[in-house]
Amino acid sequence: MNRMQLISDLSSTKSWDVIVIGGGATGLGIAMDAATRGYKTLLVEQADYSKGTSSKATKLVHGGVRYMAQGDLGLVKEACHERGLLLKNAPHLTKNETFVIPNYSLFNNLKYTIGLKFYDLLAGKLSLGASKYISKKKTIEALPTIRQEGLKGGVVYHDGQFDDSRLALNIAQTAIENGATVLNYVKVTGLLKDNNKKVNGIIAKDIETGETYEATGKVVINATGVYVDNILHMDRPDAPHMVRPSQGVHITLDHSFLPGDNALMIPETDDGRVLFAVPWHGKLIVGTTDTLRDHPELEPHALEQEIEFILNTAAKYLVKKPTRKDVLAVFAGLRPLAAPGKDGAKTKEISRSHKIIVSESGLITITGGKWTTFRRMAQDTIDKAIETGVLPAKECKTEHLPIHGYVQASDEKDPLRFYGADMTAINQLVAADPSLGELLVPNFPYNKAMVIWAIRNEYARRVEDILGRRLRLLFLDVHAAIAAAPVVAQLLARELNKDAAWIQAELKDFEILAKGYTLN
């Protein structure tokens, strides 16, 4: 199913059961849920799948240790359950990650050992492994570059790790394979209403061609993350603001800053937040921050104080102290937090639980939540649509649904394991044309065949789709991504029948984008 066929579905289908606006984790999960229940489903996304927040996570499938500290036990229990399901449903994209908390006081040893035992308890039978106290010697063995001065020991616990934008893509593919029409680069410009002033459709513009389409359906779902207010205001211009964006920043470092397979977790930084350093695709992802911003942006930029906070905090715990010149990439995402009811409310105190709102017009809006609970959020949203009477009742099918690419056993050391079952077809491309086996850049395992595969089978339309979200090069090493861009642009142009002017425009756009990911 290519994009032309999906556009044809959009133009030829008279009426849909479910129309979803937004192609991040939440919207894609809803499309997958609706399609697998048998509803005729349409999803449109103004940019690429997971272009916004959903590609810029800390790469953790986690219950949320800090939410437990805030007393949000219901969210932690739900997230631990969903974490367990996701590791079973998408084993090619997820793994059981060992985290170590280094402690510099005996009290913290006791506090976190007890606290994490409770975390294990909340996970129940889907626990990823028991947490335990370890000695100073074992802590140093687990985290070879940790600061040893004053170290009293550590606590080991388990959480999940994943590739966020690859999962988003595979969820989109799963939805499409179950009959959904899921389109990137289609922007909603207005809502349709019937004679009773009920929302019954959308007006949408294909960003590539400029053509406008109208689609009507039984229910329209607003799953646009930090942009939910924009859609709510299309429905009702005087609607109150529901969301305040909170920025989370991460930096990418060489793996030598924390060699080995274990992740570092700092449960209390100077401002009371949590900092992670997580091995990912052969590099080290360090973050995050929590900074309220005034307006949503598709490509937010890290603030200087956020970069300094991450570098300074990491330097307090690592023997090899990272500096600006060590940063291979920096990326920022915006969380859709509930707008604080009072001025001065701290972002870390605002619940990450999701909320579903049904407007007088019948528009359903979902906001909040986190990647780990995307499946449950989708289930709750479709259940809400059934509850309002617009959809016939059908049971949710996603709890044990294998995600596209599913393979039972994959080598966690294989840098290309995230392709799962698709790897065979990519290897066949190389067998048919050995030139496609050429690497895009040295020191990374990505070849030309993967670019062709992304264009033909993964709905990639632009250089940034491939280097940012199909291959994660932009997030791993921005200068390597810039070096790979010309080859990617040439392959895209050949596959999509674009001219030299298009190539130049794409490369210029990508160069501007990449500047936002670099510090040097």
Protein backbone atom coordinates (compact mmCIF):
# COMPACT_ATOMS: atom_id res chain seq x y z
CA MET A 1 0.00 0.00 0.00
CA ASN A 2 1.76 3.16 -1.18
CA ARG A 3 0.87 6.79 -0.58
CA MET A 4 -0.96 7.17 -3.91
CA GLN A 5 -3.29 4.31 -2.97
CA LEU A 6 -3.89 5.84 0.47
CA ILE A 7 -4.70 9.23 -1.10
CA SER A 8 -7.07 7.42 -3.48
CA ASP A 9 -8.81 5.91 -0.43
CA LEU A 10 -9.16 9.38 1.07
CA SER A 11 -10.78 10.80 -2.06
CA SER A 12 -13.03 7.84 -2.87
CA THR A 13 -14.39 6.86 0.55
CA LYS A 14 -17.77 8.48 1.18
CA SER A 15 -17.87 8.05 4.94
CA TRP A 16 -15.64 6.80 7.72
CA ASP A 17 -16.39 5.36 11.13
CA VAL A 18 -13.39 6.97 12.84
CA ILE A 19 -11.36 10.00 11.72
CA VAL A 20 -8.18 10.65 13.74
CA ILE A 21 -6.26 13.92 13.58
CA GLY A 22 -2.60 13.52 14.59
CA GLY A 23 0.06 10.96 13.72
CA GLY A 24 2.05 10.72 16.93
CA ALA A 25 2.01 7.83 19.39
CA THR A 26 -1.54 8.57 20.58
CA GLY A 27 -3.19 9.08 17.20
CA LEU A 28 -1.47 6.11 15.58
CA GLY A 29 -2.42 3.92 18.53
CA ILE A 30 -6.06 5.00 18.12
CA ALA A 31 -5.97 4.24 14.37
CA MET A 32 -4.55 0.77 15.09
CA ASP A 33 -7.14 0.12 17.80
CA ALA A 34 -10.06 1.29 15.65
CA ALA A 35 -8.94 -0.60 12.53
CA THR A 36 -8.37 -3.87 14.38
CA ARG A 37 -11.88 -3.62 15.86
CA GLY A 38 -13.22 -3.40 12.31
CA TYR A 39 -14.07 0.31 12.08
CA LYS A 40 -13.40 2.11 8.79
CA THR A 41 -10.57 4.36 9.93
CA LEU A 42 -8.79 7.45 8.55
CA LEU A 43 -5.80 9.18 10.17
CA VAL A 44 -4.15 12.35 8.87
CA GLU A 45 -0.93 13.93 10.12
CA GLN A 46 0.26 17.41 9.06
CA ALA A 47 3.95 16.38 8.92
CA ASP A 48 5.56 12.94 9.14
CA TYR A 49 4.54 10.23 11.58
CA SER A 50 6.01 11.04 15.03
CA LYS A 51 7.63 14.22 13.69
CA GLY A 52 6.88 16.01 16.97
CA THR A 53 7.06 14.78 20.55
CA SER A 54 6.82 11.08 19.73
CA SER A 55 10.28 10.85 18.11
CA LYS A 56 12.00 12.81 20.87
CA ALA A 57 11.44 10.69 23.97
CA THR A 58 14.06 9.37 26.42
CA LYS A 59 13.66 6.02 24.58
CA LEU A 60 12.21 4.35 27.70
CA VAL A 61 9.20 2.08 28.02
CA HIS A 62 8.82 2.66 31.72
CA GLY A 63 6.42 2.55 34.62
CA GLY A 64 7.72 5.90 35.80
CA VAL A 65 9.72 5.72 39.01
CA ARG A 66 9.24 9.44 39.65
CA TYR A 67 5.45 9.18 39.30
CA MET A 68 5.56 6.69 42.15
CA ALA A 69 7.40 9.27 44.26
CA GLN A 70 4.59 11.73 43.47
CA GLY A 71 2.02 9.19 44.70
CA ASP A 72 0.51 8.55 41.23
CA LEU A 73 0.38 4.79 41.84
CA GLY A 74 -2.50 4.18 39.42
CA LEU A 75 -0.46 5.58 36.52
CA VAL A 76 2.61 3.57 37.54
CA LYS A 77 0.64 0.32 37.74
CA GLU A 78 -1.00 0.93 34.37
CA ALA A 79 2.33 1.90 32.79
CA CYS A 80 4.11 -1.17 34.19
CA HIS A 81 1.36 -3.38 32.74
CA GLU A 82 1.57 -1.68 29.33
CA ARG A 83 5.37 -1.87 29.44
CA GLY A 84 5.14 -5.63 29.81
CA LEU A 85 2.66 -5.94 26.93
CA LEU A 86 4.78 -3.80 24.61
CA LEU A 87 7.90 -5.86 25.20
CA LYS A 88 5.85 -8.93 24.22
CA ASN A 89 4.10 -7.33 21.22
CA ALA A 90 7.13 -5.59 19.67
CA PRO A 91 10.24 -7.54 20.73
CA HIS A 92 12.19 -6.28 17.69
CA LEU A 93 11.90 -2.67 18.93
CA THR A 94 12.14 -3.12 22.69
CA LYS A 95 14.48 -4.60 25.26
CA ASN A 96 14.75 -5.16 28.98
CA GLU A 97 17.22 -2.51 30.16
CA THR A 98 19.13 -2.68 33.45
CA PHE A 99 19.27 0.64 35.31
CA VAL A 100 21.64 1.46 38.15
CA ILE A 101 21.08 4.23 40.72
CA PRO A 102 24.44 5.15 42.34
CA ASN A 103 23.96 6.29 45.93
CA TYR A 104 26.20 8.61 47.88
CA SER A 105 24.41 8.25 51.22
CA LEU A 106 23.39 5.17 53.21
CA PHE A 107 19.89 6.61 53.60
CA ASN A 108 19.43 6.71 49.81
CA ASN A 109 20.56 3.10 49.57
CA LEU A 110 17.76 2.15 51.92
CA LYS A 111 15.18 4.54 50.42
CA TYR A 112 15.61 3.44 46.82
CA THR A 113 15.95 -0.26 47.65
CA ILE A 114 12.58 -0.19 49.44
CA GLY A 115 10.97 2.12 46.86
CA LEU A 116 11.99 -0.02 43.92
CA LYS A 117 10.77 -3.21 45.59
CA PHE A 118 7.38 -1.50 45.65
CA TYR A 119 7.88 -0.64 41.94
CA ASP A 120 8.42 -4.36 41.25
CA LEU A 121 5.25 -5.16 43.17
CA LEU A 122 3.17 -2.75 41.05
CA ALA A 123 4.43 -4.48 37.88
CA GLY A 124 3.08 -7.83 39.09
CA LYS A 125 3.53 -10.79 36.75
CA LEU A 126 4.74 -8.47 33.95
CA SER A 127 7.79 -7.41 36.00
CA LEU A 128 11.01 -7.29 33.95
CA GLY A 129 13.19 -8.44 36.86
CA ALA A 130 13.66 -7.90 40.56
CA SER A 131 15.37 -4.77 41.84
CA LYS A 132 18.16 -5.18 44.40
CA TYR A 133 20.79 -3.36 46.41
CA ILE A 134 24.39 -3.77 45.19
CA SER A 135 27.68 -2.94 46.89
CA LYS A 136 30.03 -0.11 45.97
CA LYS A 137 32.27 -2.60 44.13
CA LYS A 138 29.34 -4.01 42.11
CA THR A 139 28.11 -0.49 41.34
CA ILE A 140 31.50 0.40 39.86
CA GLU A 141 31.52 -2.83 37.83
CA ALA A 142 28.05 -1.98 36.48
CA LEU A 143 28.92 1.69 35.79
CA PRO A 144 32.69 1.76 35.12
CA THR A 145 32.88 5.55 34.65
CA ILE A 146 30.80 6.55 37.67
CA ARG A 147 32.27 8.97 40.23
CA GLN A 148 33.64 6.77 43.03
CA GLU A 149 34.31 9.44 45.67
CA GLY A 150 31.71 9.10 48.45
CA LEU A 151 29.92 6.23 46.68
CA LYS A 152 28.06 4.02 49.18
CA GLY A 153 26.56 1.46 46.82
CA GLY A 154 23.73 1.31 44.33
CA VAL A 155 20.34 -0.09 43.45
CA VAL A 156 19.62 -2.07 40.29
CA TYR A 157 16.18 -2.12 38.69
CA HIS A 158 14.68 -2.97 35.30
CA ASP A 159 12.66 -0.98 32.79
CA GLY A 160 12.08 -1.15 29.05
CA GLN A 161 13.91 0.61 26.26
CA PHE A 162 12.72 1.16 22.68
CA ASP A 163 13.07 3.07 19.43
CA ASP A 164 10.25 5.60 19.51
CA SER A 165 9.82 6.71 15.89
CA ARG A 166 10.38 3.17 14.59
CA LEU A 167 7.57 1.98 16.85
CA ALA A 168 5.34 4.82 15.61
CA LEU A 169 6.01 3.76 12.02
CA ASN A 170 5.33 0.08 12.77
CA ILE A 171 2.05 1.01 14.49
CA ALA A 172 1.06 2.97 11.36
CA GLN A 173 1.91 -0.06 9.22
CA THR A 174 -0.09 -2.34 11.52
CA ALA A 175 -3.10 -0.03 11.23
CA ILE A 176 -2.79 0.06 7.43
CA GLU A 177 -2.47 -3.73 7.26
CA ASN A 178 -5.75 -3.90 9.19
CA GLY A 179 -7.57 -1.68 6.71
CA ALA A 180 -6.90 1.85 7.98
CA THR A 181 -5.93 4.76 5.74
CA VAL A 182 -3.03 6.49 7.50
CA LEU A 183 -1.56 9.53 5.75
CA ASN A 184 1.38 11.76 6.57
CA TYR A 185 1.72 15.28 5.14
CA VAL A 186 -2.05 15.89 5.15
CA LYS A 187 -3.04 18.91 7.28
CA VAL A 188 -6.48 19.52 8.75
CA THR A 189 -7.56 23.08 7.93
CA GLY A 190 -11.13 22.94 9.23
CA LEU A 191 -13.88 20.83 10.79
CA LEU A 192 -17.19 19.90 9.15
CA LYS A 193 -20.48 20.07 11.08
CA ASP A 194 -23.97 18.75 10.42
CA ASN A 195 -27.25 20.65 10.81
CA ASN A 196 -27.20 19.96 14.56
CA LYS A 197 -23.78 21.60 14.85
CA LYS A 198 -22.14 18.25 15.56
CA VAL A 199 -18.62 17.70 14.21
CA ASN A 200 -18.91 15.08 11.49
CA GLY A 201 -15.77 15.45 9.42
CA ILE A 202 -12.64 17.34 8.42
CA ILE A 203 -11.31 19.52 5.64
CA ALA A 204 -7.75 18.42 4.89
CA LYS A 205 -5.02 19.62 2.54
CA ASP A 206 -2.39 17.38 0.96
CA ILE A 207 0.82 19.31 1.71
CA GLU A 208 2.57 17.81 -1.34
CA THR A 209 0.00 18.66 -4.00
CA GLY A 210 -2.03 21.43 -2.37
CA GLU A 211 -5.23 19.51 -3.12
CA THR A 212 -8.02 19.77 -0.54
CA TYR A 213 -10.27 16.91 0.55
CA GLU A 214 -13.37 16.60 2.71
CA ALA A 215 -13.93 13.49 4.80
CA THR A 216 -17.02 12.76 6.90
CA GLY A 217 -17.33 10.22 9.67
CA LYS A 218 -19.22 9.06 12.75
CA VAL A 219 -16.59 10.41 15.14
CA VAL A 220 -13.64 12.81 14.84
CA ILE A 221 -10.82 12.37 17.36
CA ASN A 222 -8.36 15.16 18.18
CA ALA A 223 -5.07 13.46 19.10
CA THR A 224 -2.69 16.26 18.14
CA GLY A 225 -0.59 16.44 21.30
CA VAL A 226 0.63 19.97 21.93
CA TYR A 227 -1.64 21.16 19.10
CA VAL A 228 -4.96 20.01 20.63
CA ASP A 229 -5.97 23.61 21.36
CA ASN A 230 -5.69 24.47 17.64
CA ILE A 231 -8.29 21.83 16.75
CA LEU A 232 -10.49 22.72 19.73
CA HIS A 233 -10.51 26.34 18.52
CA MET A 234 -11.61 25.18 15.05
CA ASP A 235 -14.62 23.67 16.81
CA ARG A 236 -15.18 26.55 19.23
CA PRO A 237 -13.07 29.71 18.92
CA ASP A 238 -13.62 30.59 22.59
CA ALA A 239 -12.63 27.14 23.93
CA PRO A 240 -10.29 27.35 26.95
CA HIS A 241 -6.68 26.25 26.55
CA MET A 242 -6.20 22.66 27.63
CA VAL A 243 -2.48 22.20 27.08
CA ARG A 244 0.73 23.94 28.07
CA PRO A 245 3.82 22.59 26.27
CA SER A 246 6.68 21.40 28.47
CA GLN A 247 10.04 21.01 26.78
CA GLY A 248 12.25 17.99 27.29
CA VAL A 249 15.82 18.13 25.94
CA HIS A 250 18.31 15.30 25.40
CA ILE A 251 21.91 15.21 24.23
CA THR A 252 23.72 12.37 22.48
CA LEU A 253 27.26 11.45 23.55
CA ASP A 254 29.77 8.83 22.55
CA HIS A 255 29.24 5.51 24.34
CA SER A 256 32.68 5.86 25.97
CA PHE A 257 31.17 8.24 28.53
CA LEU A 258 29.31 5.26 30.03
CA PRO A 259 30.61 2.02 28.48
CA GLY A 260 28.74 -1.21 28.92
CA ASP A 261 25.09 -2.16 28.60
CA ASN A 262 23.70 -0.62 31.80
CA ALA A 263 21.84 2.68 32.06
CA LEU A 264 22.40 5.34 34.73
CA MET A 265 19.49 6.89 36.61
CA ILE A 266 19.88 9.93 38.86
CA PRO A 267 16.61 10.11 40.84
CA GLU A 268 17.10 13.60 42.28
CA THR A 269 19.02 16.33 40.49
CA ASP A 270 19.65 19.78 41.95
CA ASP A 271 16.15 20.92 40.96
CA GLY A 272 14.44 17.69 42.03
CA ARG A 273 14.06 16.15 38.60
CA VAL A 274 15.32 12.84 37.19
CA LEU A 275 18.26 12.41 34.80
CA PHE A 276 18.90 9.33 32.65
CA ALA A 277 21.95 8.25 30.68
CA VAL A 278 20.84 5.39 28.44
CA PRO A 279 22.80 3.35 25.87
CA TRP A 280 20.95 3.57 22.53
CA HIS A 281 21.99 2.51 19.03
CA GLY A 282 25.65 2.46 20.06
CA LYS A 283 25.57 5.95 21.58
CA LEU A 284 24.53 7.44 24.94
CA ILE A 285 21.33 9.48 25.30
CA VAL A 286 21.36 11.84 28.32
CA GLY A 287 18.35 13.82 29.58
CA THR A 288 15.88 15.21 30.23
CA THR A 289 14.60 18.66 31.18
CA ASP A 290 11.12 19.97 31.98
CA THR A 291 10.69 23.58 30.90
CA LEU A 292 7.32 25.25 30.34
CA ARG A 293 7.06 26.89 26.91
CA ASP A 294 4.46 29.35 25.67
CA HIS A 295 3.73 27.96 22.20
CA PRO A 296 3.84 24.60 20.42
CA GLU A 297 6.47 24.14 17.70
CA LEU A 298 7.19 21.25 15.35
CA GLU A 299 10.93 21.74 15.83
CA PRO A 300 11.56 23.32 19.24
CA HIS A 301 15.15 24.22 20.10
CA ALA A 302 17.03 23.47 23.30
CA LEU A 303 17.61 26.47 25.55
CA GLU A 304 21.15 27.22 26.71
CA GLN A 305 20.21 26.63 30.35
CA GLU A 306 18.81 23.19 29.48
CA ILE A 307 22.03 22.13 27.75
CA GLU A 308 24.09 23.44 30.67
CA PHE A 309 21.86 21.65 33.17
CA ILE A 310 22.32 18.28 31.43
CA LEU A 311 26.09 18.70 30.97
CA ASN A 312 26.65 19.95 34.53
CA THR A 313 24.52 17.23 36.11
CA ALA A 314 26.20 14.48 34.07
CA ALA A 315 29.62 15.89 35.01
CA LYS A 316 28.82 15.45 38.71
CA TYR A 317 28.40 11.70 38.26
CA LEU A 318 30.76 10.73 35.42
CA VAL A 319 34.55 10.52 35.64
CA LYS A 320 34.79 11.62 32.01
CA LYS A 321 33.02 14.97 32.13
CA PRO A 322 31.11 15.83 28.93
CA THR A 323 31.50 19.28 27.38
CA ARG A 324 29.71 21.03 24.54
CA LYS A 325 32.21 19.78 21.99
CA ASP A 326 31.40 16.18 22.96
CA VAL A 327 27.72 16.54 22.06
CA LEU A 328 27.00 14.58 18.86
CA ALA A 329 23.38 15.77 18.66
CA VAL A 330 20.83 17.64 20.76
CA PHE A 331 17.08 17.26 20.39
CA ALA A 332 14.05 18.82 22.04
CA GLY A 333 10.44 17.66 22.27
CA LEU A 334 7.30 19.17 23.76
CA ARG A 335 5.09 17.23 26.17
CA PRO A 336 1.36 18.06 26.07
CA LEU A 337 0.82 18.74 29.77
CA ALA A 338 -2.54 19.80 31.16
CA ALA A 339 -2.53 23.60 31.38
CA PRO A 340 -1.75 24.45 35.01
CA GLY A 341 -4.78 25.68 36.95
CA LYS A 342 -2.66 28.14 38.89
CA ASP A 343 0.37 30.21 38.01
CA GLY A 344 3.66 28.78 39.16
CA ALA A 345 2.60 25.12 39.01
CA LYS A 346 5.73 23.07 38.40
CA THR A 347 5.75 20.79 35.35
CA LYS A 348 7.12 17.87 37.35
CA GLU A 349 4.03 18.10 39.61
CA ILE A 350 1.48 17.96 36.77
CA SER A 351 0.04 14.46 36.29
CA ARG A 352 1.10 12.53 33.19
CA SER A 353 -2.21 10.64 33.21
CA HIS A 354 -4.24 11.03 30.02
CA LYS A 355 -7.54 12.85 29.80
CA ILE A 356 -10.39 12.34 27.33
CA ILE A 357 -12.83 15.19 26.74
CA VAL A 358 -16.04 15.05 24.69
CA SER A 359 -17.05 18.51 23.44
CA GLU A 360 -20.69 19.58 23.01
CA SER A 361 -20.11 19.17 19.28
CA GLY A 362 -19.17 15.51 19.77
CA LEU A 363 -15.47 16.12 19.01
CA ILE A 364 -13.38 13.78 21.18
CA THR A 365 -10.04 15.11 22.40
CA ILE A 366 -7.34 13.10 24.16
CA THR A 367 -4.38 14.74 25.80
CA GLY A 368 -1.61 13.98 28.27
CA GLY A 369 -0.29 10.47 28.77
CA LYS A 370 3.06 9.02 27.80
CA TRP A 371 4.53 6.73 25.13
CA THR A 372 4.41 3.67 27.37
CA THR A 373 0.64 3.87 27.78
CA PHE A 374 -0.21 4.67 24.14
CA ARG A 375 -2.12 1.39 23.65
CA ARG A 376 -4.29 1.90 26.73
CA MET A 377 -4.93 5.53 25.79
CA ALA A 378 -6.14 4.36 22.37
CA GLN A 379 -8.39 1.71 23.91
CA ASP A 380 -9.92 4.24 26.32
CA THR A 381 -10.53 6.73 23.51
CA ILE A 382 -12.37 4.29 21.25
CA ASP A 383 -14.28 2.96 24.27
CA LYS A 384 -15.35 6.55 24.96
CA ALA A 385 -16.60 6.90 21.36
CA ILE A 386 -18.64 3.71 21.84
CA GLU A 387 -19.94 5.01 25.16
CA THR A 388 -21.22 8.22 23.52
CA GLY A 389 -23.26 6.11 21.10
CA VAL A 390 -21.59 7.10 17.83
CA LEU A 391 -19.95 3.70 17.24
CA PRO A 392 -21.37 0.19 17.57
CA ALA A 393 -19.73 -1.71 20.44
CA LYS A 394 -16.77 -3.90 19.47
CA GLU A 395 -14.11 -5.41 21.71
CA CYS A 396 -10.53 -4.05 21.78
CA LYS A 397 -8.09 -6.39 20.02
CA THR A 398 -4.69 -4.81 20.71
CA GLU A 399 -3.68 -6.22 24.10
CA HIS A 400 -1.86 -9.17 22.55
CA LEU A 401 -1.54 -7.88 18.97
CA PRO A 402 1.90 -8.36 17.35
CA ILE A 403 3.16 -5.06 15.91
CA HIS A 404 4.42 -4.95 12.29
CA GLY A 405 7.94 -6.40 12.06
CA TYR A 406 7.34 -8.77 14.99
CA VAL A 407 9.93 -11.50 15.41
CA GLN A 408 10.06 -13.59 18.55
CA ALA A 409 13.80 -13.72 18.99
CA SER A 410 16.22 -11.03 17.91
CA ASP A 411 19.86 -10.43 18.75
CA GLU A 412 20.01 -7.39 21.03
CA LYS A 413 23.57 -6.72 19.83
CA ASP A 414 22.44 -6.49 16.19
CA PRO A 415 22.33 -2.75 15.32
CA LEU A 416 19.60 -3.45 12.74
CA ARG A 417 17.34 -5.62 14.88
CA PHE A 418 14.68 -2.87 14.81
CA TYR A 419 13.72 -3.96 11.28
CA GLY A 420 12.50 -7.28 12.64
CA ALA A 421 10.82 -9.39 9.97
CA ASP A 422 11.46 -6.71 7.29
CA MET A 423 15.23 -7.32 7.34
CA THR A 424 14.86 -10.29 4.97
CA ALA A 425 13.28 -8.12 2.27
CA ILE A 426 15.98 -5.44 2.69
CA ASN A 427 18.67 -8.08 2.23
CA GLN A 428 16.87 -9.23 -0.92
CA LEU A 429 17.15 -5.69 -2.33
CA VAL A 430 20.92 -5.88 -1.86
CA ALA A 431 21.06 -9.35 -3.42
CA ALA A 432 19.25 -8.01 -6.49
CA ASP A 433 21.43 -4.87 -6.70
CA PRO A 434 24.73 -5.12 -4.76
CA SER A 435 25.30 -1.33 -5.09
CA LEU A 436 22.46 -0.87 -2.58
CA GLY A 437 24.68 -2.50 0.03
CA GLU A 438 26.91 0.61 0.09
CA LEU A 439 26.92 2.36 3.46
CA LEU A 440 25.63 5.94 3.59
CA VAL A 441 28.47 7.04 5.89
CA PRO A 442 31.31 5.22 7.68
CA ASN A 443 30.85 3.90 11.25
CA PHE A 444 27.07 3.43 10.94
CA PRO A 445 25.28 0.31 9.62
CA TYR A 446 22.79 2.13 7.36
CA ASN A 447 22.96 1.36 3.63
CA LYS A 448 21.23 2.53 0.44
CA ALA A 449 18.82 -0.41 0.48
CA MET A 450 17.37 0.87 3.75
CA VAL A 451 16.71 4.23 2.11
CA ILE A 452 14.93 2.54 -0.81
CA TRP A 453 12.95 0.42 1.65
CA ALA A 454 11.94 3.53 3.62
CA ILE A 455 10.63 5.20 0.47
CA ARG A 456 8.80 2.18 -0.96
CA ASN A 457 7.47 0.60 2.21
CA GLU A 458 7.72 3.10 5.08
CA TYR A 459 6.06 6.20 3.57
CA ALA A 460 9.19 8.38 3.74
CA ARG A 461 8.81 11.51 1.60
CA ARG A 462 11.68 13.76 2.63
CA VAL A 463 15.36 13.58 3.59
CA GLU A 464 14.53 14.31 7.23
CA ASP A 465 11.94 11.48 7.31
CA ILE A 466 14.70 9.02 6.47
CA LEU A 467 17.67 10.41 8.41
CA GLY A 468 15.57 11.50 11.40
CA ARG A 469 12.90 8.86 11.88
CA ARG A 470 13.45 5.79 9.61
CA LEU A 471 17.21 5.70 10.28
CA ARG A 472 18.03 7.54 13.49
CA LEU A 473 21.21 9.20 12.23
CA LEU A 474 20.07 12.80 12.90
CA PHE A 475 19.59 11.90 16.58
CA LEU A 476 22.84 9.92 16.85
CA ASP A 477 25.36 12.14 15.04
CA VAL A 478 24.14 15.27 13.30
CA HIS A 479 27.34 15.73 11.24
CA ALA A 480 27.10 12.16 9.94
CA ALA A 481 23.48 12.87 8.99
CA ILE A 482 24.52 16.00 7.07
CA ALA A 483 27.17 13.96 5.24
CA ALA A 484 24.59 11.31 4.29
CA ALA A 485 21.95 13.77 3.10
CA PRO A 486 23.08 14.18 -0.56
CA VAL A 487 22.98 10.43 -1.21
CA VAL A 488 19.57 10.15 0.45
CA ALA A 489 18.22 13.10 -1.57
CA GLN A 490 19.40 11.51 -4.84
CA LEU A 491 17.73 8.19 -4.00
CA LEU A 492 14.50 9.96 -2.99
CA ALA A 493 14.46 11.97 -6.21
CA ARG A 494 14.94 8.83 -8.28
CA GLU A 495 12.18 6.92 -6.49
CA LEU A 496 9.68 9.80 -6.32
CA ASN A 497 10.49 11.19 -9.79
CA LYS A 498 11.73 14.57 -8.57
CA ASP A 499 14.11 16.96 -10.37
CA ALA A 500 17.43 18.59 -9.48
CA ALA A 501 15.71 21.72 -8.12
CA TRP A 502 13.77 19.53 -5.67
CA ILE A 503 17.03 17.91 -4.52
CA GLN A 504 18.61 21.30 -3.85
CA ALA A 505 15.55 22.54 -1.95
CA GLU A 506 15.48 19.35 0.15
CA LEU A 507 19.16 19.62 1.03
CA LYS A 508 18.77 23.26 2.00
CA ASP A 509 15.76 22.44 4.21
CA PHE A 510 17.64 19.58 5.84
CA GLU A 511 20.70 21.73 6.48
CA ILE A 512 18.53 24.31 8.28
CA LEU A 513 16.83 21.56 10.31
CA ALA A 514 20.15 19.93 11.23
CA LYS A 515 21.51 23.20 12.62
CA GLY A 516 18.92 22.91 15.38
CA TYR A 517 20.41 19.55 16.39
CA THR A 518 24.01 20.71 16.69
CA LEU A 519 26.04 22.60 19.28
CA ASN A 520 29.26 22.78 17.30
